[in-house]
Amino acid sequence: MTSNKPRQFYIHGVTNAGKVFRPSDWAERLAGAMSSFRPGAPRGGAAGIGAFIGYSPYCVPQVIDNVRCVLVNEALRDIEPMAWDFVMDFARDNDLPVTEVCLLPDAPPAKR
């Protein structure tokens, strides 16, 4: 059984050359720039003032093993392809590795 869930990717805050990416708040800045892209928002972004409070579920800053990362959901591409391109181009232009998150398949429903 295959899942049609959008894939997720981590943008790692250590360059391919092994240097910590700066500034130290880069992940929060990148995720903040994507904050208006959220479920139910009109195509192209903002859905009122509430869209700017908090991060979008499609682009979330995280720290993994003391490395700043951004978790990016591929659903962002369907909502706004240019936003997806912006995030992926940011990673490429700054030599930041992008790794697909490996998710376990959903468990089958429990039998009663």
PDB file of N, CA and C in Angstrom:
ATOM      1  N   MET A   1       0.838  -1.169   0.000  1.00  0.00           N
ATOM      2  CA  MET A   1       0.000   0.000   0.000  1.00  0.00           C
ATOM      3  C   MET A   1       0.892   1.244   0.000  1.00  0.00           C
ATOM      4  N   THR A   2       0.632   2.150  -0.911  1.00  0.00           N
ATOM      5  CA  THR A   2       1.428   3.367  -0.989  1.00  0.00           C
ATOM      6  C   THR A   2       0.632   4.534  -0.428  1.00  0.00           C
ATOM      7  N   SER A   3       1.355   5.502   0.043  1.00  0.00           N
ATOM      8  CA  SER A   3       0.738   6.692   0.621  1.00  0.00           C
ATOM      9  C   SER A   3       0.952   7.865  -0.318  1.00  0.00           C
ATOM     10  N   ASN A   4      -0.066   8.705  -0.438  1.00  0.00           N
ATOM     11  CA  ASN A   4       0.049   9.898  -1.277  1.00  0.00           C
ATOM     12  C   ASN A   4       0.370  11.126  -0.449  1.00  0.00           C
ATOM     13  N   LYS A   5       0.844  10.923   0.778  1.00  0.00           N
ATOM     14  CA  LYS A   5       1.203  12.056   1.616  1.00  0.00           C
ATOM     15  C   LYS A   5       2.374  12.802   1.000  1.00  0.00           C
ATOM     16  N   PRO A   6       2.368  14.124   1.116  1.00  0.00           N
ATOM     17  CA  PRO A   6       3.517  14.888   0.611  1.00  0.00           C
ATOM     18  C   PRO A   6       4.787  14.495   1.362  1.00  0.00           C
ATOM     19  N   ARG A   7       5.881  14.491   0.644  1.00  0.00           N
ATOM     20  CA  ARG A   7       7.169  14.196   1.268  1.00  0.00           C
ATOM     21  C   ARG A   7       7.611  15.404   2.086  1.00  0.00           C
ATOM     22  N   GLN A   8       8.539  15.150   3.015  1.00  0.00           N
ATOM     23  CA  GLN A   8       9.112  16.216   3.816  1.00  0.00           C
ATOM     24  C   GLN A   8      10.630  16.159   3.684  1.00  0.00           C
ATOM     25  N   PHE A   9      11.241  17.333   3.789  1.00  0.00           N
ATOM     26  CA  PHE A   9      12.685  17.440   3.618  1.00  0.00           C
ATOM     27  C   PHE A   9      13.275  18.302   4.726  1.00  0.00           C
ATOM     28  N   TYR A  10      14.469  17.939   5.157  1.00  0.00           N
ATOM     29  CA  TYR A  10      15.224  18.774   6.088  1.00  0.00           C
ATOM     30  C   TYR A  10      16.274  19.540   5.311  1.00  0.00           C
ATOM     31  N   ILE A  11      16.345  20.839   5.555  1.00  0.00           N
ATOM     32  CA  ILE A  11      17.469  21.646   5.091  1.00  0.00           C
ATOM     33  C   ILE A  11      18.377  21.774   6.300  1.00  0.00           C
ATOM     34  N   HIS A  12      19.576  21.254   6.204  1.00  0.00           N
ATOM     35  CA  HIS A  12      20.512  21.217   7.320  1.00  0.00           C
ATOM     36  C   HIS A  12      21.343  22.485   7.372  1.00  0.00           C
ATOM     37  N   GLY A  13      21.622  22.957   8.568  1.00  0.00           N
ATOM     38  CA  GLY A  13      22.355  24.190   8.780  1.00  0.00           C
ATOM     39  C   GLY A  13      23.865  24.037   8.829  1.00  0.00           C
ATOM     40  N   VAL A  14      24.388  22.973   8.254  1.00  0.00           N
ATOM     41  CA  VAL A  14      25.829  22.784   8.102  1.00  0.00           C
ATOM     42  C   VAL A  14      26.072  22.575   6.612  1.00  0.00           C
ATOM     43  N   THR A  15      26.914  23.391   6.020  1.00  0.00           N
ATOM     44  CA  THR A  15      27.139  23.314   4.575  1.00  0.00           C
ATOM     45  C   THR A  15      27.763  21.985   4.188  1.00  0.00           C
ATOM     46  N   ASN A  16      27.748  21.699   2.898  1.00  0.00           N
ATOM     47  CA  ASN A  16      28.386  20.481   2.397  1.00  0.00           C
ATOM     48  C   ASN A  16      29.880  20.479   2.690  1.00  0.00           C
ATOM     49  N   ALA A  17      30.464  21.653   2.922  1.00  0.00           N
ATOM     50  CA  ALA A  17      31.883  21.754   3.270  1.00  0.00           C
ATOM     51  C   ALA A  17      32.118  21.584   4.774  1.00  0.00           C
ATOM     52  N   GLY A  18      31.025  21.414   5.548  1.00  0.00           N
ATOM     53  CA  GLY A  18      31.156  21.171   6.977  1.00  0.00           C
ATOM     54  C   GLY A  18      31.142  22.407   7.855  1.00  0.00           C
ATOM     55  N   LYS A  19      30.822  23.563   7.285  1.00  0.00           N
ATOM     56  CA  LYS A  19      30.792  24.799   8.080  1.00  0.00           C
ATOM     57  C   LYS A  19      29.372  25.082   8.560  1.00  0.00           C
ATOM     58  N   VAL A  20      29.267  25.552   9.814  1.00  0.00           N
ATOM     59  CA  VAL A  20      27.967  25.936  10.358  1.00  0.00           C
ATOM     60  C   VAL A  20      27.486  27.173   9.609  1.00  0.00           C
ATOM     61  N   PHE A  21      26.251  27.106   9.120  1.00  0.00           N
ATOM     62  CA  PHE A  21      25.707  28.218   8.345  1.00  0.00           C
ATOM     63  C   PHE A  21      25.354  29.368   9.278  1.00  0.00           C
ATOM     64  N   ARG A  22      25.651  30.572   8.868  1.00  0.00           N
ATOM     65  CA  ARG A  22      25.380  31.791   9.629  1.00  0.00           C
ATOM     66  C   ARG A  22      24.479  32.699   8.817  1.00  0.00           C
ATOM     67  N   PRO A  23      23.671  33.527   9.432  1.00  0.00           N
ATOM     68  CA  PRO A  23      23.611  33.832  10.854  1.00  0.00           C
ATOM     69  C   PRO A  23      22.958  32.687  11.621  1.00  0.00           C
ATOM     70  N   SER A  24      23.101  32.725  12.929  1.00  0.00           N
ATOM     71  CA  SER A  24      22.624  31.620  13.751  1.00  0.00           C
ATOM     72  C   SER A  24      21.100  31.488  13.737  1.00  0.00           C
ATOM     73  N   ASP A  25      20.375  32.518  13.357  1.00  0.00           N
ATOM     74  CA  ASP A  25      18.916  32.436  13.310  1.00  0.00           C
ATOM     75  C   ASP A  25      18.377  32.264  11.881  1.00  0.00           C
ATOM     76  N   TRP A  26      19.218  31.729  10.998  1.00  0.00           N
ATOM     77  CA  TRP A  26      18.820  31.581   9.586  1.00  0.00           C
ATOM     78  C   TRP A  26      17.542  30.757   9.438  1.00  0.00           C
ATOM     79  N   ALA A  27      17.395  29.692  10.237  1.00  0.00           N
ATOM     80  CA  ALA A  27      16.234  28.809  10.102  1.00  0.00           C
ATOM     81  C   ALA A  27      14.943  29.552  10.461  1.00  0.00           C
ATOM     82  N   GLU A  28      14.990  30.326  11.518  1.00  0.00           N
ATOM     83  CA  GLU A  28      13.818  31.094  11.918  1.00  0.00           C
ATOM     84  C   GLU A  28      13.484  32.160  10.886  1.00  0.00           C
ATOM     85  N   ARG A  29      14.501  32.772  10.306  1.00  0.00           N
ATOM     86  CA  ARG A  29      14.269  33.792   9.275  1.00  0.00           C
ATOM     87  C   ARG A  29      13.630  33.182   8.033  1.00  0.00           C
ATOM     88  N   LEU A  30      14.167  32.040   7.587  1.00  0.00           N
ATOM     89  CA  LEU A  30      13.625  31.383   6.394  1.00  0.00           C
ATOM     90  C   LEU A  30      12.181  30.941   6.647  1.00  0.00           C
ATOM     91  N   ALA A  31      11.940  30.292   7.779  1.00  0.00           N
ATOM     92  CA  ALA A  31      10.583  29.851   8.107  1.00  0.00           C
ATOM     93  C   ALA A  31       9.652  31.049   8.276  1.00  0.00           C
ATOM     94  N   GLY A  32      10.155  32.133   8.831  1.00  0.00           N
ATOM     95  CA  GLY A  32       9.344  33.338   8.977  1.00  0.00           C
ATOM     96  C   GLY A  32       8.919  33.911   7.636  1.00  0.00           C
ATOM     97  N   ALA A  33       9.808  33.845   6.658  1.00  0.00           N
ATOM     98  CA  ALA A  33       9.472  34.343   5.320  1.00  0.00           C
ATOM     99  C   ALA A  33       8.374  33.504   4.666  1.00  0.00           C
ATOM    100  N   MET A  34       8.227  32.258   5.100  1.00  0.00           N
ATOM    101  CA  MET A  34       7.221  31.350   4.535  1.00  0.00           C
ATOM    102  C   MET A  34       5.964  31.269   5.404  1.00  0.00           C
ATOM    103  N   SER A  35       5.881  32.090   6.458  1.00  0.00           N
ATOM    104  CA  SER A  35       4.800  31.966   7.434  1.00  0.00           C
ATOM    105  C   SER A  35       3.404  32.177   6.868  1.00  0.00           C
ATOM    106  N   SER A  36       3.269  32.889   5.795  1.00  0.00           N
ATOM    107  CA  SER A  36       1.929  33.155   5.256  1.00  0.00           C
ATOM    108  C   SER A  36       1.388  32.010   4.419  1.00  0.00           C
ATOM    109  N   PHE A  37       2.214  31.015   4.093  1.00  0.00           N
ATOM    110  CA  PHE A  37       1.755  29.886   3.283  1.00  0.00           C
ATOM    111  C   PHE A  37       1.279  28.781   4.209  1.00  0.00           C
ATOM    112  N   ARG A  38      -0.056  28.650   4.306  1.00  0.00           N
ATOM    113  CA  ARG A  38      -0.646  27.718   5.251  1.00  0.00           C
ATOM    114  C   ARG A  38      -1.894  27.080   4.649  1.00  0.00           C
ATOM    115  N   PRO A  39      -2.352  25.984   5.250  1.00  0.00           N
ATOM    116  CA  PRO A  39      -3.570  25.339   4.734  1.00  0.00           C
ATOM    117  C   PRO A  39      -4.747  26.298   4.740  1.00  0.00           C
ATOM    118  N   GLY A  40      -5.507  26.273   3.676  1.00  0.00           N
ATOM    119  CA  GLY A  40      -6.694  27.111   3.592  1.00  0.00           C
ATOM    120  C   GLY A  40      -6.443  28.540   3.189  1.00  0.00           C
ATOM    121  N   ALA A  41      -5.181  28.942   3.072  1.00  0.00           N
ATOM    122  CA  ALA A  41      -4.878  30.313   2.660  1.00  0.00           C
ATOM    123  C   ALA A  41      -5.122  30.447   1.161  1.00  0.00           C
ATOM    124  N   PRO A  42      -5.526  31.620   0.711  1.00  0.00           N
ATOM    125  CA  PRO A  42      -5.703  31.812  -0.722  1.00  0.00           C
ATOM    126  C   PRO A  42      -4.375  31.627  -1.460  1.00  0.00           C
ATOM    127  N   ARG A  43      -4.455  31.195  -2.704  1.00  0.00           N
ATOM    128  CA  ARG A  43      -3.244  30.989  -3.501  1.00  0.00           C
ATOM    129  C   ARG A  43      -2.431  32.274  -3.493  1.00  0.00           C
ATOM    130  N   GLY A  44      -1.146  32.118  -3.233  1.00  0.00           N
ATOM    131  CA  GLY A  44      -0.272  33.270  -3.206  1.00  0.00           C
ATOM    132  C   GLY A  44       0.033  33.759  -1.813  1.00  0.00           C
ATOM    133  N   GLY A  45      -0.570  33.132  -0.800  1.00  0.00           N
ATOM    134  CA  GLY A  45      -0.111  33.476   0.527  1.00  0.00           C
ATOM    135  C   GLY A  45      -1.123  33.943   1.523  1.00  0.00           C
ATOM    136  N   ALA A  46      -0.936  35.143   1.998  1.00  0.00           N
ATOM    137  CA  ALA A  46      -1.559  35.657   3.219  1.00  0.00           C
ATOM    138  C   ALA A  46      -3.059  35.439   3.288  1.00  0.00           C
ATOM    139  N   ALA A  47      -3.506  35.119   4.505  1.00  0.00           N
ATOM    140  CA  ALA A  47      -4.936  34.954   4.773  1.00  0.00           C
ATOM    141  C   ALA A  47      -5.315  35.843   5.951  1.00  0.00           C
ATOM    142  N   GLY A  48      -5.011  37.100   5.880  1.00  0.00           N
ATOM    143  CA  GLY A  48      -5.323  38.019   6.963  1.00  0.00           C
ATOM    144  C   GLY A  48      -4.185  38.114   7.965  1.00  0.00           C
ATOM    145  N   ILE A  49      -4.391  38.924   8.976  1.00  0.00           N
ATOM    146  CA  ILE A  49      -3.333  39.182   9.939  1.00  0.00           C
ATOM    147  C   ILE A  49      -2.910  37.923  10.692  1.00  0.00           C
ATOM    148  N   GLY A  50      -3.824  36.985  10.915  1.00  0.00           N
ATOM    149  CA  GLY A  50      -3.488  35.753  11.617  1.00  0.00           C
ATOM    150  C   GLY A  50      -2.453  34.916  10.888  1.00  0.00           C
ATOM    151  N   ALA A  51      -2.306  35.117   9.598  1.00  0.00           N
ATOM    152  CA  ALA A  51      -1.344  34.336   8.819  1.00  0.00           C
ATOM    153  C   ALA A  51       0.089  34.677   9.187  1.00  0.00           C
ATOM    154  N   PHE A  52       0.301  35.780   9.865  1.00  0.00           N
ATOM    155  CA  PHE A  52       1.664  36.198  10.163  1.00  0.00           C
ATOM    156  C   PHE A  52       2.065  35.900  11.607  1.00  0.00           C
ATOM    157  N   ILE A  53       1.207  35.212  12.328  1.00  0.00           N
ATOM    158  CA  ILE A  53       1.513  34.863  13.704  1.00  0.00           C
ATOM    159  C   ILE A  53       1.875  33.383  13.733  1.00  0.00           C
ATOM    160  N   GLY A  54       3.119  33.081  13.942  1.00  0.00           N
ATOM    161  CA  GLY A  54       3.574  31.696  13.968  1.00  0.00           C
ATOM    162  C   GLY A  54       4.074  31.235  12.610  1.00  0.00           C
ATOM    163  N   TYR A  55       4.650  30.050  12.618  1.00  0.00           N
ATOM    164  CA  TYR A  55       5.217  29.484  11.397  1.00  0.00           C
ATOM    165  C   TYR A  55       4.176  28.700  10.626  1.00  0.00           C
ATOM    166  N   SER A  56       4.369  28.606   9.342  1.00  0.00           N
ATOM    167  CA  SER A  56       3.548  27.756   8.507  1.00  0.00           C
ATOM    168  C   SER A  56       3.859  26.299   8.836  1.00  0.00           C
ATOM    169  N   PRO A  57       2.875  25.415   8.802  1.00  0.00           N
ATOM    170  CA  PRO A  57       3.169  24.004   9.032  1.00  0.00           C
ATOM    171  C   PRO A  57       3.978  23.389   7.893  1.00  0.00           C
ATOM    172  N   TYR A  58       4.141  24.122   6.808  1.00  0.00           N
ATOM    173  CA  TYR A  58       4.898  23.618   5.661  1.00  0.00           C
ATOM    174  C   TYR A  58       6.383  23.971   5.719  1.00  0.00           C
ATOM    175  N   CYS A  59       6.772  24.818   6.655  1.00  0.00           N
ATOM    176  CA  CYS A  59       8.168  25.259   6.744  1.00  0.00           C
ATOM    177  C   CYS A  59       8.456  25.630   8.200  1.00  0.00           C
ATOM    178  N   VAL A  60       9.072  24.697   8.928  1.00  0.00           N
ATOM    179  CA  VAL A  60       9.209  24.834  10.372  1.00  0.00           C
ATOM    180  C   VAL A  60      10.676  24.725  10.787  1.00  0.00           C
ATOM    181  N   PRO A  61      11.182  25.700  11.548  1.00  0.00           N
ATOM    182  CA  PRO A  61      12.559  25.591  12.039  1.00  0.00           C
ATOM    183  C   PRO A  61      12.640  24.553  13.158  1.00  0.00           C
ATOM    184  N   GLN A  62      13.737  23.824  13.190  1.00  0.00           N
ATOM    185  CA  GLN A  62      13.960  22.816  14.221  1.00  0.00           C
ATOM    186  C   GLN A  62      15.449  22.738  14.517  1.00  0.00           C
ATOM    187  N   VAL A  63      15.771  22.139  15.659  1.00  0.00           N
ATOM    188  CA  VAL A  63      17.156  21.861  15.999  1.00  0.00           C
ATOM    189  C   VAL A  63      17.277  20.354  16.166  1.00  0.00           C
ATOM    190  N   ILE A  64      18.180  19.753  15.412  1.00  0.00           N
ATOM    191  CA  ILE A  64      18.406  18.313  15.473  1.00  0.00           C
ATOM    192  C   ILE A  64      19.881  18.075  15.727  1.00  0.00           C
ATOM    193  N   ASP A  65      20.173  17.381  16.804  1.00  0.00           N
ATOM    194  CA  ASP A  65      21.568  17.121  17.189  1.00  0.00           C
ATOM    195  C   ASP A  65      22.381  18.410  17.223  1.00  0.00           C
ATOM    196  N   ASN A  66      21.807  19.457  17.802  1.00  0.00           N
ATOM    197  CA  ASN A  66      22.440  20.773  17.933  1.00  0.00           C
ATOM    198  C   ASN A  66      22.728  21.460  16.597  1.00  0.00           C
ATOM    199  N   VAL A  67      22.029  21.057  15.554  1.00  0.00           N
ATOM    200  CA  VAL A  67      22.177  21.693  14.238  1.00  0.00           C
ATOM    201  C   VAL A  67      20.836  22.293  13.859  1.00  0.00           C
ATOM    202  N   ARG A  68      20.847  23.573  13.508  1.00  0.00           N
ATOM    203  CA  ARG A  68      19.619  24.226  13.051  1.00  0.00           C
ATOM    204  C   ARG A  68      19.234  23.667  11.692  1.00  0.00           C
ATOM    205  N   CYS A  69      17.951  23.377  11.552  1.00  0.00           N
ATOM    206  CA  CYS A  69      17.402  22.823  10.319  1.00  0.00           C
ATOM    207  C   CYS A  69      16.052  23.479  10.054  1.00  0.00           C
ATOM    208  N   VAL A  70      15.563  23.279   8.848  1.00  0.00           N
ATOM    209  CA  VAL A  70      14.198  23.666   8.517  1.00  0.00           C
ATOM    210  C   VAL A  70      13.535  22.444   7.904  1.00  0.00           C
ATOM    211  N   LEU A  71      12.376  22.079   8.448  1.00  0.00           N
ATOM    212  CA  LEU A  71      11.580  20.990   7.902  1.00  0.00           C
ATOM    213  C   LEU A  71      10.613  21.598   6.897  1.00  0.00           C
ATOM    214  N   VAL A  72      10.716  21.155   5.648  1.00  0.00           N
ATOM    215  CA  VAL A  72       9.892  21.700   4.570  1.00  0.00           C
ATOM    216  C   VAL A  72       9.005  20.593   4.024  1.00  0.00           C
ATOM    217  N   ASN A  73       7.714  20.870   3.965  1.00  0.00           N
ATOM    218  CA  ASN A  73       6.751  19.914   3.456  1.00  0.00           C
ATOM    219  C   ASN A  73       6.526  20.190   1.971  1.00  0.00           C
ATOM    220  N   GLU A  74       6.535  19.122   1.180  1.00  0.00           N
ATOM    221  CA  GLU A  74       6.369  19.256  -0.263  1.00  0.00           C
ATOM    222  C   GLU A  74       5.009  19.832  -0.654  1.00  0.00           C
ATOM    223  N   ALA A  75       4.038  19.817   0.259  1.00  0.00           N
ATOM    224  CA  ALA A  75       2.730  20.419  -0.018  1.00  0.00           C
ATOM    225  C   ALA A  75       2.860  21.911  -0.323  1.00  0.00           C
ATOM    226  N   LEU A  76       3.938  22.528   0.142  1.00  0.00           N
ATOM    227  CA  LEU A  76       4.189  23.938  -0.165  1.00  0.00           C
ATOM    228  C   LEU A  76       4.231  24.159  -1.673  1.00  0.00           C
ATOM    229  N   ARG A  77       4.765  23.183  -2.404  1.00  0.00           N
ATOM    230  CA  ARG A  77       4.859  23.294  -3.867  1.00  0.00           C
ATOM    231  C   ARG A  77       3.479  23.427  -4.493  1.00  0.00           C
ATOM    232  N   ASP A  78       2.479  22.694  -3.967  1.00  0.00           N
ATOM    233  CA  ASP A  78       1.124  22.761  -4.517  1.00  0.00           C
ATOM    234  C   ASP A  78       0.448  24.079  -4.182  1.00  0.00           C
ATOM    235  N   ILE A  79       0.752  24.625  -3.014  1.00  0.00           N
ATOM    236  CA  ILE A  79       0.137  25.881  -2.592  1.00  0.00           C
ATOM    237  C   ILE A  79       0.739  27.057  -3.347  1.00  0.00           C
ATOM    238  N   GLU A  80       2.076  27.086  -3.433  1.00  0.00           N
ATOM    239  CA  GLU A  80       2.762  28.188  -4.126  1.00  0.00           C
ATOM    240  C   GLU A  80       4.106  27.698  -4.643  1.00  0.00           C
ATOM    241  N   PRO A  81       4.162  27.316  -5.920  1.00  0.00           N
ATOM    242  CA  PRO A  81       5.410  26.803  -6.496  1.00  0.00           C
ATOM    243  C   PRO A  81       6.595  27.756  -6.344  1.00  0.00           C
ATOM    244  N   MET A  82       6.349  29.065  -6.400  1.00  0.00           N
ATOM    245  CA  MET A  82       7.460  30.012  -6.277  1.00  0.00           C
ATOM    246  C   MET A  82       8.031  30.009  -4.857  1.00  0.00           C
ATOM    247  N   ALA A  83       7.185  29.783  -3.848  1.00  0.00           N
ATOM    248  CA  ALA A  83       7.670  29.686  -2.471  1.00  0.00           C
ATOM    249  C   ALA A  83       8.532  28.433  -2.310  1.00  0.00           C
ATOM    250  N   TRP A  84       8.081  27.319  -2.875  1.00  0.00           N
ATOM    251  CA  TRP A  84       8.863  26.079  -2.859  1.00  0.00           C
ATOM    252  C   TRP A  84      10.224  26.313  -3.521  1.00  0.00           C
ATOM    253  N   ASP A  85      10.197  26.924  -4.693  1.00  0.00           N
ATOM    254  CA  ASP A  85      11.453  27.204  -5.405  1.00  0.00           C
ATOM    255  C   ASP A  85      12.365  28.105  -4.577  1.00  0.00           C
ATOM    256  N   PHE A  86      11.799  29.098  -3.917  1.00  0.00           N
ATOM    257  CA  PHE A  86      12.588  30.007  -3.095  1.00  0.00           C
ATOM    258  C   PHE A  86      13.331  29.235  -2.006  1.00  0.00           C
ATOM    259  N   VAL A  87      12.624  28.359  -1.303  1.00  0.00           N
ATOM    260  CA  VAL A  87      13.231  27.594  -0.207  1.00  0.00           C
ATOM    261  C   VAL A  87      14.306  26.651  -0.742  1.00  0.00           C
ATOM    262  N   MET A  88      14.007  25.932  -1.812  1.00  0.00           N
ATOM    263  CA  MET A  88      14.980  24.977  -2.368  1.00  0.00           C
ATOM    264  C   MET A  88      16.177  25.708  -2.988  1.00  0.00           C
ATOM    265  N   ASP A  89      15.922  26.847  -3.618  1.00  0.00           N
ATOM    266  CA  ASP A  89      17.034  27.642  -4.171  1.00  0.00           C
ATOM    267  C   ASP A  89      17.904  28.206  -3.048  1.00  0.00           C
ATOM    268  N   PHE A  90      17.288  28.583  -1.937  1.00  0.00           N
ATOM    269  CA  PHE A  90      18.041  29.064  -0.776  1.00  0.00           C
ATOM    270  C   PHE A  90      19.028  27.989  -0.328  1.00  0.00           C
ATOM    271  N   ALA A  91      18.541  26.768  -0.212  1.00  0.00           N
ATOM    272  CA  ALA A  91      19.416  25.664   0.216  1.00  0.00           C
ATOM    273  C   ALA A  91      20.545  25.454  -0.788  1.00  0.00           C
ATOM    274  N   ARG A  92      20.206  25.418  -2.061  1.00  0.00           N
ATOM    275  CA  ARG A  92      21.224  25.193  -3.096  1.00  0.00           C
ATOM    276  C   ARG A  92      22.238  26.332  -3.142  1.00  0.00           C
ATOM    277  N   ASP A  93      21.753  27.560  -3.137  1.00  0.00           N
ATOM    278  CA  ASP A  93      22.643  28.718  -3.241  1.00  0.00           C
ATOM    279  C   ASP A  93      23.606  28.833  -2.058  1.00  0.00           C
ATOM    280  N   ASN A  94      23.183  28.304  -0.895  1.00  0.00           N
ATOM    281  CA  ASN A  94      24.018  28.387   0.302  1.00  0.00           C
ATOM    282  C   ASN A  94      24.724  27.072   0.625  1.00  0.00           C
ATOM    283  N   ASP A  95      24.668  26.130  -0.317  1.00  0.00           N
ATOM    284  CA  ASP A  95      25.370  24.846  -0.198  1.00  0.00           C
ATOM    285  C   ASP A  95      24.923  24.069   1.038  1.00  0.00           C
ATOM    286  N   LEU A  96      23.606  24.133   1.326  1.00  0.00           N
ATOM    287  CA  LEU A  96      23.052  23.422   2.475  1.00  0.00           C
ATOM    288  C   LEU A  96      22.437  22.107   2.012  1.00  0.00           C
ATOM    289  N   PRO A  97      22.791  21.005   2.655  1.00  0.00           N
ATOM    290  CA  PRO A  97      22.235  19.709   2.263  1.00  0.00           C
ATOM    291  C   PRO A  97      20.731  19.639   2.507  1.00  0.00           C
ATOM    292  N   VAL A  98      20.043  18.984   1.597  1.00  0.00           N
ATOM    293  CA  VAL A  98      18.608  18.739   1.727  1.00  0.00           C
ATOM    294  C   VAL A  98      18.425  17.222   1.761  1.00  0.00           C
ATOM    295  N   THR A  99      17.765  16.752   2.821  1.00  0.00           N
ATOM    296  CA  THR A  99      17.588  15.323   3.016  1.00  0.00           C
ATOM    297  C   THR A  99      16.109  15.011   3.151  1.00  0.00           C
ATOM    298  N   GLU A 100      15.657  14.008   2.418  1.00  0.00           N
ATOM    299  CA  GLU A 100      14.260  13.604   2.553  1.00  0.00           C
ATOM    300  C   GLU A 100      14.068  12.890   3.886  1.00  0.00           C
ATOM    301  N   VAL A 101      12.971  13.228   4.550  1.00  0.00           N
ATOM    302  CA  VAL A 101      12.624  12.580   5.813  1.00  0.00           C
ATOM    303  C   VAL A 101      12.045  11.218   5.484  1.00  0.00           C
ATOM    304  N   CYS A 102      12.519  10.217   6.159  1.00  0.00           N
ATOM    305  CA  CYS A 102      12.011   8.866   5.955  1.00  0.00           C
ATOM    306  C   CYS A 102      10.934   8.605   6.999  1.00  0.00           C
ATOM    307  N   LEU A 103       9.705   8.519   6.549  1.00  0.00           N
ATOM    308  CA  LEU A 103       8.590   8.270   7.455  1.00  0.00           C
ATOM    309  C   LEU A 103       8.147   6.820   7.337  1.00  0.00           C
ATOM    310  N   LEU A 104       7.789   6.251   8.451  1.00  0.00           N
ATOM    311  CA  LEU A 104       7.251   4.898   8.438  1.00  0.00           C
ATOM    312  C   LEU A 104       5.834   4.944   7.903  1.00  0.00           C
ATOM    313  N   PRO A 105       5.420   3.899   7.187  1.00  0.00           N
ATOM    314  CA  PRO A 105       4.044   3.896   6.677  1.00  0.00           C
ATOM    315  C   PRO A 105       3.044   3.871   7.825  1.00  0.00           C
ATOM    316  N   ASP A 106       1.854   4.357   7.543  1.00  0.00           N
ATOM    317  CA  ASP A 106       0.796   4.334   8.559  1.00  0.00           C
ATOM    318  C   ASP A 106       0.503   2.898   8.948  1.00  0.00           C
ATOM    319  N   ALA A 107       0.263   2.694  10.207  1.00  0.00           N
ATOM    320  CA  ALA A 107      -0.088   1.371  10.691  1.00  0.00           C
ATOM    321  C   ALA A 107      -1.493   1.023  10.227  1.00  0.00           C
ATOM    322  N   PRO A 108      -1.713  -0.245   9.896  1.00  0.00           N
ATOM    323  CA  PRO A 108      -3.088  -0.628   9.491  1.00  0.00           C
ATOM    324  C   PRO A 108      -4.011  -0.485  10.695  1.00  0.00           C
ATOM    325  N   PRO A 109      -5.292  -0.283  10.428  1.00  0.00           N
ATOM    326  CA  PRO A 109      -6.238  -0.121  11.534  1.00  0.00           C
ATOM    327  C   PRO A 109      -6.261  -1.393  12.389  1.00  0.00           C
ATOM    328  N   ALA A 110      -6.455  -1.200  13.682  1.00  0.00           N
ATOM    329  CA  ALA A 110      -6.499  -2.347  14.603  1.00  0.00           C
ATOM    330  C   ALA A 110      -7.750  -3.166  14.338  1.00  0.00           C
ATOM    331  N   LYS A 111      -7.577  -4.491  14.392  1.00  0.00           N
ATOM    332  CA  LYS A 111      -8.724  -5.382  14.208  1.00  0.00           C
ATOM    333  C   LYS A 111      -9.439  -5.541  15.529  1.00  0.00           C
ATOM    334  N   ARG A 112     -10.750  -5.601  15.454  1.00  0.00           N
ATOM    335  CA  ARG A 112     -11.564  -5.744  16.671  1.00  0.00           C
ATOM    336  C   ARG A 112     -12.170  -7.099  16.735  1.00  0.00           C
TER     337      ARG A 112
END
